[in-house]
């Protein structure tokens, strides 16, 4: 990972802060971006005020790893 790139944990925290500013919530769930490829699952971060996920993550940590 580049020194200038945020880790997935920090990216999710940024999404949650911006959602909280407008009174929205963020949920995460596993999604299959390509139907029929169950082994290729991604974690989608979905804001309650948006129709599409704000971000997709392959893996999320419980702390910052920047």
PDB file of N, CA and C in Angstrom:
ATOM      1  N   UNK A   1       0.848  -1.180   0.000  1.00  0.00           N
ATOM      2  CA  UNK A   1       0.000   0.000   0.000  1.00  0.00           C
ATOM      3  C   UNK A   1       0.890   1.238   0.000  1.00  0.00           C
ATOM      4  N   UNK A   2       0.502   2.219  -0.745  1.00  0.00           N
ATOM      5  CA  UNK A   2       1.234   3.474  -0.810  1.00  0.00           C
ATOM      6  C   UNK A   2       1.109   4.230   0.508  1.00  0.00           C
ATOM      7  N   UNK A   3       2.102   5.035   0.807  1.00  0.00           N
ATOM      8  CA  UNK A   3       2.050   5.864   2.013  1.00  0.00           C
ATOM      9  C   UNK A   3       0.956   6.914   1.917  1.00  0.00           C
ATOM     10  N   UNK A   4       0.513   7.235   0.707  1.00  0.00           N
ATOM     11  CA  UNK A   4      -0.491   8.267   0.507  1.00  0.00           C
ATOM     12  C   UNK A   4      -1.903   7.702   0.415  1.00  0.00           C
ATOM     13  N   UNK A   5      -2.030   6.386   0.487  1.00  0.00           N
ATOM     14  CA  UNK A   5      -3.332   5.736   0.357  1.00  0.00           C
ATOM     15  C   UNK A   5      -3.881   5.373   1.730  1.00  0.00           C
ATOM     16  N   UNK A   6      -5.151   5.673   1.958  1.00  0.00           N
ATOM     17  CA  UNK A   6      -5.789   5.286   3.224  1.00  0.00           C
ATOM     18  C   UNK A   6      -6.057   3.785   3.217  1.00  0.00           C
ATOM     19  N   UNK A   7      -5.984   3.183   4.389  1.00  0.00           N
ATOM     20  CA  UNK A   7      -6.347   1.776   4.507  1.00  0.00           C
ATOM     21  C   UNK A   7      -7.879   1.655   4.473  1.00  0.00           C
ATOM     22  N   UNK A   8      -8.364   0.443   4.328  1.00  0.00           N
ATOM     23  CA  UNK A   8      -9.812   0.225   4.247  1.00  0.00           C
ATOM     24  C   UNK A   8     -10.528   0.657   5.519  1.00  0.00           C
ATOM     25  N   UNK A   9      -9.913   0.432   6.673  1.00  0.00           N
ATOM     26  CA  UNK A   9     -10.513   0.842   7.937  1.00  0.00           C
ATOM     27  C   UNK A   9     -10.719   2.362   7.963  1.00  0.00           C
ATOM     28  N   UNK A  10      -9.702   3.127   7.586  1.00  0.00           N
ATOM     29  CA  UNK A  10      -9.800   4.589   7.596  1.00  0.00           C
ATOM     30  C   UNK A  10     -10.796   5.077   6.548  1.00  0.00           C
ATOM     31  N   UNK A  11     -10.851   4.409   5.409  1.00  0.00           N
ATOM     32  CA  UNK A  11     -11.822   4.778   4.381  1.00  0.00           C
ATOM     33  C   UNK A  11     -13.236   4.573   4.895  1.00  0.00           C
ATOM     34  N   UNK A  12     -13.491   3.457   5.560  1.00  0.00           N
ATOM     35  CA  UNK A  12     -14.817   3.199   6.114  1.00  0.00           C
ATOM     36  C   UNK A  12     -15.159   4.218   7.200  1.00  0.00           C
ATOM     37  N   UNK A  13     -14.194   4.593   8.028  1.00  0.00           N
ATOM     38  CA  UNK A  13     -14.434   5.595   9.059  1.00  0.00           C
ATOM     39  C   UNK A  13     -14.803   6.941   8.438  1.00  0.00           C
ATOM     40  N   UNK A  14     -14.150   7.311   7.335  1.00  0.00           N
ATOM     41  CA  UNK A  14     -14.459   8.559   6.635  1.00  0.00           C
ATOM     42  C   UNK A  14     -15.873   8.521   6.076  1.00  0.00           C
ATOM     43  N   UNK A  15     -16.269   7.380   5.502  1.00  0.00           N
ATOM     44  CA  UNK A  15     -17.631   7.232   4.976  1.00  0.00           C
ATOM     45  C   UNK A  15     -18.647   7.359   6.113  1.00  0.00           C
ATOM     46  N   UNK A  16     -18.352   6.768   7.258  1.00  0.00           N
ATOM     47  CA  UNK A  16     -19.266   6.826   8.398  1.00  0.00           C
ATOM     48  C   UNK A  16     -19.388   8.247   8.949  1.00  0.00           C
ATOM     49  N   UNK A  17     -18.287   8.987   8.998  1.00  0.00           N
ATOM     50  CA  UNK A  17     -18.337  10.382   9.470  1.00  0.00           C
ATOM     51  C   UNK A  17     -19.166  11.249   8.535  1.00  0.00           C
ATOM     52  N   UNK A  18     -18.965  11.087   7.238  1.00  0.00           N
ATOM     53  CA  UNK A  18     -19.725  11.926   6.293  1.00  0.00           C
ATOM     54  C   UNK A  18     -21.204  11.556   6.308  1.00  0.00           C
ATOM     55  N   UNK A  19     -21.523  10.287   6.525  1.00  0.00           N
ATOM     56  CA  UNK A  19     -22.924   9.873   6.624  1.00  0.00           C
ATOM     57  C   UNK A  19     -23.561  10.452   7.886  1.00  0.00           C
ATOM     58  N   UNK A  20     -22.829  10.442   8.996  1.00  0.00           N
ATOM     59  CA  UNK A  20     -23.357  10.965  10.258  1.00  0.00           C
ATOM     60  C   UNK A  20     -23.659  12.456  10.172  1.00  0.00           C
ATOM     61  N   UNK A  21     -22.896  13.184   9.364  1.00  0.00           N
ATOM     62  CA  UNK A  21     -23.123  14.622   9.212  1.00  0.00           C
ATOM     63  C   UNK A  21     -24.497  14.939   8.636  1.00  0.00           C
ATOM     64  N   UNK A  22     -25.051  14.024   7.859  1.00  0.00           N
ATOM     65  CA  UNK A  22     -26.375  14.250   7.258  1.00  0.00           C
ATOM     66  C   UNK A  22     -27.441  13.351   7.889  1.00  0.00           C
ATOM     67  N   UNK A  23     -27.090  12.681   8.984  1.00  0.00           N
ATOM     68  CA  UNK A  23     -28.054  11.859   9.699  1.00  0.00           C
ATOM     69  C   UNK A  23     -28.273  10.473   9.109  1.00  0.00           C
ATOM     70  N   UNK A  24     -27.380  10.014   8.260  1.00  0.00           N
ATOM     71  CA  UNK A  24     -27.501   8.684   7.652  1.00  0.00           C
ATOM     72  C   UNK A  24     -26.658   7.675   8.435  1.00  0.00           C
ATOM     73  N   UNK A  25     -26.904   6.410   8.198  1.00  0.00           N
ATOM     74  CA  UNK A  25     -26.127   5.343   8.818  1.00  0.00           C
ATOM     75  C   UNK A  25     -25.425   4.541   7.716  1.00  0.00           C
ATOM     76  N   UNK A  26     -24.432   3.776   8.118  1.00  0.00           N
ATOM     77  CA  UNK A  26     -23.685   2.935   7.181  1.00  0.00           C
ATOM     78  C   UNK A  26     -23.763   1.496   7.659  1.00  0.00           C
ATOM     79  N   UNK A  27     -24.095   0.599   6.758  1.00  0.00           N
ATOM     80  CA  UNK A  27     -24.081  -0.828   7.055  1.00  0.00           C
ATOM     81  C   UNK A  27     -23.125  -1.510   6.095  1.00  0.00           C
ATOM     82  N   UNK A  28     -22.598  -2.647   6.508  1.00  0.00           N
ATOM     83  CA  UNK A  28     -21.741  -3.428   5.628  1.00  0.00           C
ATOM     84  C   UNK A  28     -22.359  -4.802   5.457  1.00  0.00           C
ATOM     85  N   UNK A  29     -22.173  -5.348   4.267  1.00  0.00           N
ATOM     86  CA  UNK A  29     -22.656  -6.696   4.004  1.00  0.00           C
ATOM     87  C   UNK A  29     -21.849  -7.285   2.852  1.00  0.00           C
ATOM     88  N   UNK A  30     -21.829  -8.611   2.804  1.00  0.00           N
ATOM     89  CA  UNK A  30     -21.153  -9.288   1.705  1.00  0.00           C
ATOM     90  C   UNK A  30     -22.015  -9.230   0.465  1.00  0.00           C
ATOM     91  N   UNK A  31     -21.388  -8.995  -0.671  1.00  0.00           N
ATOM     92  CA  UNK A  31     -22.090  -8.984  -1.948  1.00  0.00           C
ATOM     93  C   UNK A  31     -21.269  -9.744  -2.975  1.00  0.00           C
ATOM     94  N   UNK A  32     -21.965 -10.306  -3.933  1.00  0.00           N
ATOM     95  CA  UNK A  32     -21.331 -10.964  -5.066  1.00  0.00           C
ATOM     96  C   UNK A  32     -21.423 -10.018  -6.258  1.00  0.00           C
ATOM     97  N   UNK A  33     -20.333  -9.314  -6.591  1.00  0.00           N
ATOM     98  CA  UNK A  33     -20.419  -8.375  -7.704  1.00  0.00           C
ATOM     99  C   UNK A  33     -20.688  -9.060  -9.045  1.00  0.00           C
ATOM    100  N   UNK A  34     -20.254 -10.305  -9.167  1.00  0.00           N
ATOM    101  CA  UNK A  34     -20.504 -11.063 -10.389  1.00  0.00           C
ATOM    102  C   UNK A  34     -21.360 -12.269 -10.013  1.00  0.00           C
ATOM    103  N   UNK A  35     -22.620 -12.310 -10.439  1.00  0.00           N
ATOM    104  CA  UNK A  35     -23.492 -13.437 -10.086  1.00  0.00           C
ATOM    105  C   UNK A  35     -22.871 -14.770 -10.482  1.00  0.00           C
ATOM    106  N   UNK A  36     -22.986 -15.729  -9.581  1.00  0.00           N
ATOM    107  CA  UNK A  36     -22.448 -17.059  -9.847  1.00  0.00           C
ATOM    108  C   UNK A  36     -21.023 -17.272  -9.383  1.00  0.00           C
ATOM    109  N   UNK A  37     -20.369 -16.257  -8.886  1.00  0.00           N
ATOM    110  CA  UNK A  37     -18.997 -16.368  -8.382  1.00  0.00           C
ATOM    111  C   UNK A  37     -19.009 -16.176  -6.870  1.00  0.00           C
ATOM    112  N   UNK A  38     -19.524 -17.152  -6.163  1.00  0.00           N
ATOM    113  CA  UNK A  38     -19.685 -17.035  -4.714  1.00  0.00           C
ATOM    114  C   UNK A  38     -18.359 -16.874  -3.976  1.00  0.00           C
ATOM    115  N   UNK A  39     -17.269 -17.340  -4.570  1.00  0.00           N
ATOM    116  CA  UNK A  39     -15.970 -17.247  -3.902  1.00  0.00           C
ATOM    117  C   UNK A  39     -15.361 -15.855  -4.039  1.00  0.00           C
ATOM    118  N   UNK A  40     -15.899 -15.042  -4.920  1.00  0.00           N
ATOM    119  CA  UNK A  40     -15.384 -13.702  -5.138  1.00  0.00           C
ATOM    120  C   UNK A  40     -16.296 -12.689  -4.445  1.00  0.00           C
ATOM    121  N   UNK A  41     -16.373 -12.753  -3.130  1.00  0.00           N
ATOM    122  CA  UNK A  41     -17.253 -11.866  -2.370  1.00  0.00           C
ATOM    123  C   UNK A  41     -16.503 -10.625  -1.934  1.00  0.00           C
ATOM    124  N   UNK A  42     -17.236  -9.520  -1.937  1.00  0.00           N
ATOM    125  CA  UNK A  42     -16.712  -8.237  -1.500  1.00  0.00           C
ATOM    126  C   UNK A  42     -17.603  -7.716  -0.383  1.00  0.00           C
ATOM    127  N   UNK A  43     -17.043  -6.873   0.466  1.00  0.00           N
ATOM    128  CA  UNK A  43     -17.804  -6.235   1.530  1.00  0.00           C
ATOM    129  C   UNK A  43     -18.245  -4.869   1.011  1.00  0.00           C
ATOM    130  N   UNK A  44     -19.544  -4.660   0.959  1.00  0.00           N
ATOM    131  CA  UNK A  44     -20.092  -3.394   0.474  1.00  0.00           C
ATOM    132  C   UNK A  44     -20.440  -2.510   1.656  1.00  0.00           C
ATOM    133  N   UNK A  45     -20.044  -1.235   1.592  1.00  0.00           N
ATOM    134  CA  UNK A  45     -20.413  -0.231   2.592  1.00  0.00           C
ATOM    135  C   UNK A  45     -21.556   0.577   2.004  1.00  0.00           C
ATOM    136  N   UNK A  46     -22.729   0.486   2.630  1.00  0.00           N
ATOM    137  CA  UNK A  46     -23.927   1.080   2.066  1.00  0.00           C
ATOM    138  C   UNK A  46     -24.476   2.146   3.009  1.00  0.00           C
ATOM    139  N   UNK A  47     -24.602   3.374   2.499  1.00  0.00           N
ATOM    140  CA  UNK A  47     -25.203   4.454   3.273  1.00  0.00           C
ATOM    141  C   UNK A  47     -26.712   4.363   3.143  1.00  0.00           C
ATOM    142  N   UNK A  48     -27.412   4.685   4.226  1.00  0.00           N
ATOM    143  CA  UNK A  48     -28.877   4.586   4.220  1.00  0.00           C
ATOM    144  C   UNK A  48     -29.532   5.612   3.305  1.00  0.00           C
ATOM    145  N   UNK A  49     -28.815   6.671   2.935  1.00  0.00           N
ATOM    146  CA  UNK A  49     -29.392   7.694   2.065  1.00  0.00           C
ATOM    147  C   UNK A  49     -28.973   7.555   0.601  1.00  0.00           C
ATOM    148  N   UNK A  50     -28.299   6.471   0.259  1.00  0.00           N
ATOM    149  CA  UNK A  50     -27.843   6.237  -1.115  1.00  0.00           C
ATOM    150  C   UNK A  50     -28.406   4.921  -1.641  1.00  0.00           C
ATOM    151  N   UNK A  51     -28.567   4.833  -2.955  1.00  0.00           N
ATOM    152  CA  UNK A  51     -29.077   3.608  -3.577  1.00  0.00           C
ATOM    153  C   UNK A  51     -27.990   2.566  -3.810  1.00  0.00           C
ATOM    154  N   UNK A  52     -26.785   3.030  -4.122  1.00  0.00           N
ATOM    155  CA  UNK A  52     -25.678   2.127  -4.427  1.00  0.00           C
ATOM    156  C   UNK A  52     -24.634   2.195  -3.322  1.00  0.00           C
ATOM    157  N   UNK A  53     -23.839   1.135  -3.163  1.00  0.00           N
ATOM    158  CA  UNK A  53     -22.775   1.156  -2.151  1.00  0.00           C
ATOM    159  C   UNK A  53     -21.789   2.299  -2.380  1.00  0.00           C
ATOM    160  N   UNK A  54     -21.293   2.836  -1.300  1.00  0.00           N
ATOM    161  CA  UNK A  54     -20.299   3.908  -1.373  1.00  0.00           C
ATOM    162  C   UNK A  54     -18.913   3.360  -1.657  1.00  0.00           C
ATOM    163  N   UNK A  55     -18.667   2.115  -1.236  1.00  0.00           N
ATOM    164  CA  UNK A  55     -17.360   1.508  -1.444  1.00  0.00           C
ATOM    165  C   UNK A  55     -17.479  -0.010  -1.356  1.00  0.00           C
ATOM    166  N   UNK A  56     -16.515  -0.676  -1.964  1.00  0.00           N
ATOM    167  CA  UNK A  56     -16.388  -2.126  -1.857  1.00  0.00           C
ATOM    168  C   UNK A  56     -15.010  -2.424  -1.285  1.00  0.00           C
ATOM    169  N   UNK A  57     -14.955  -3.373  -0.362  1.00  0.00           N
ATOM    170  CA  UNK A  57     -13.694  -3.769   0.256  1.00  0.00           C
ATOM    171  C   UNK A  57     -13.527  -5.275   0.121  1.00  0.00           C
ATOM    172  N   UNK A  58     -12.308  -5.700  -0.133  1.00  0.00           N
ATOM    173  CA  UNK A  58     -12.035  -7.136  -0.150  1.00  0.00           C
ATOM    174  C   UNK A  58     -11.848  -7.632   1.282  1.00  0.00           C
ATOM    175  N   UNK A  59     -11.289  -6.765   2.121  1.00  0.00           N
ATOM    176  CA  UNK A  59     -11.037  -7.141   3.508  1.00  0.00           C
ATOM    177  C   UNK A  59     -11.100  -5.896   4.384  1.00  0.00           C
ATOM    178  N   UNK A  60     -11.609  -6.051   5.602  1.00  0.00           N
ATOM    179  CA  UNK A  60     -11.656  -4.952   6.572  1.00  0.00           C
ATOM    180  C   UNK A  60     -10.926  -5.373   7.835  1.00  0.00           C
ATOM    181  N   UNK A  61     -10.120  -4.463   8.374  1.00  0.00           N
ATOM    182  CA  UNK A  61      -9.451  -4.730   9.634  1.00  0.00           C
ATOM    183  C   UNK A  61     -10.210  -4.047  10.762  1.00  0.00           C
ATOM    184  N   UNK A  62      -9.857  -4.358  11.985  1.00  0.00           N
ATOM    185  CA  UNK A  62     -10.518  -3.765  13.147  1.00  0.00           C
ATOM    186  C   UNK A  62      -9.791  -2.523  13.637  1.00  0.00           C
ATOM    187  N   UNK A  63      -8.707  -2.157  12.960  1.00  0.00           N
ATOM    188  CA  UNK A  63      -7.918  -0.989  13.357  1.00  0.00           C
ATOM    189  C   UNK A  63      -7.202  -0.419  12.133  1.00  0.00           C
ATOM    190  N   UNK A  64      -6.629   0.750  12.285  1.00  0.00           N
ATOM    191  CA  UNK A  64      -5.906   1.399  11.204  1.00  0.00           C
ATOM    192  C   UNK A  64      -4.602   0.650  10.909  1.00  0.00           C
ATOM    193  N   UNK A  65      -4.327   0.455   9.620  1.00  0.00           N
ATOM    194  CA  UNK A  65      -3.072  -0.165   9.200  1.00  0.00           C
ATOM    195  C   UNK A  65      -2.354   0.706   8.159  1.00  0.00           C
ATOM    196  N   UNK A  66      -2.636   2.010   8.189  1.00  0.00           N
ATOM    197  CA  UNK A  66      -1.985   2.953   7.257  1.00  0.00           C
ATOM    198  C   UNK A  66      -0.487   2.996   7.500  1.00  0.00           C
TER     199      UNK A  66
END
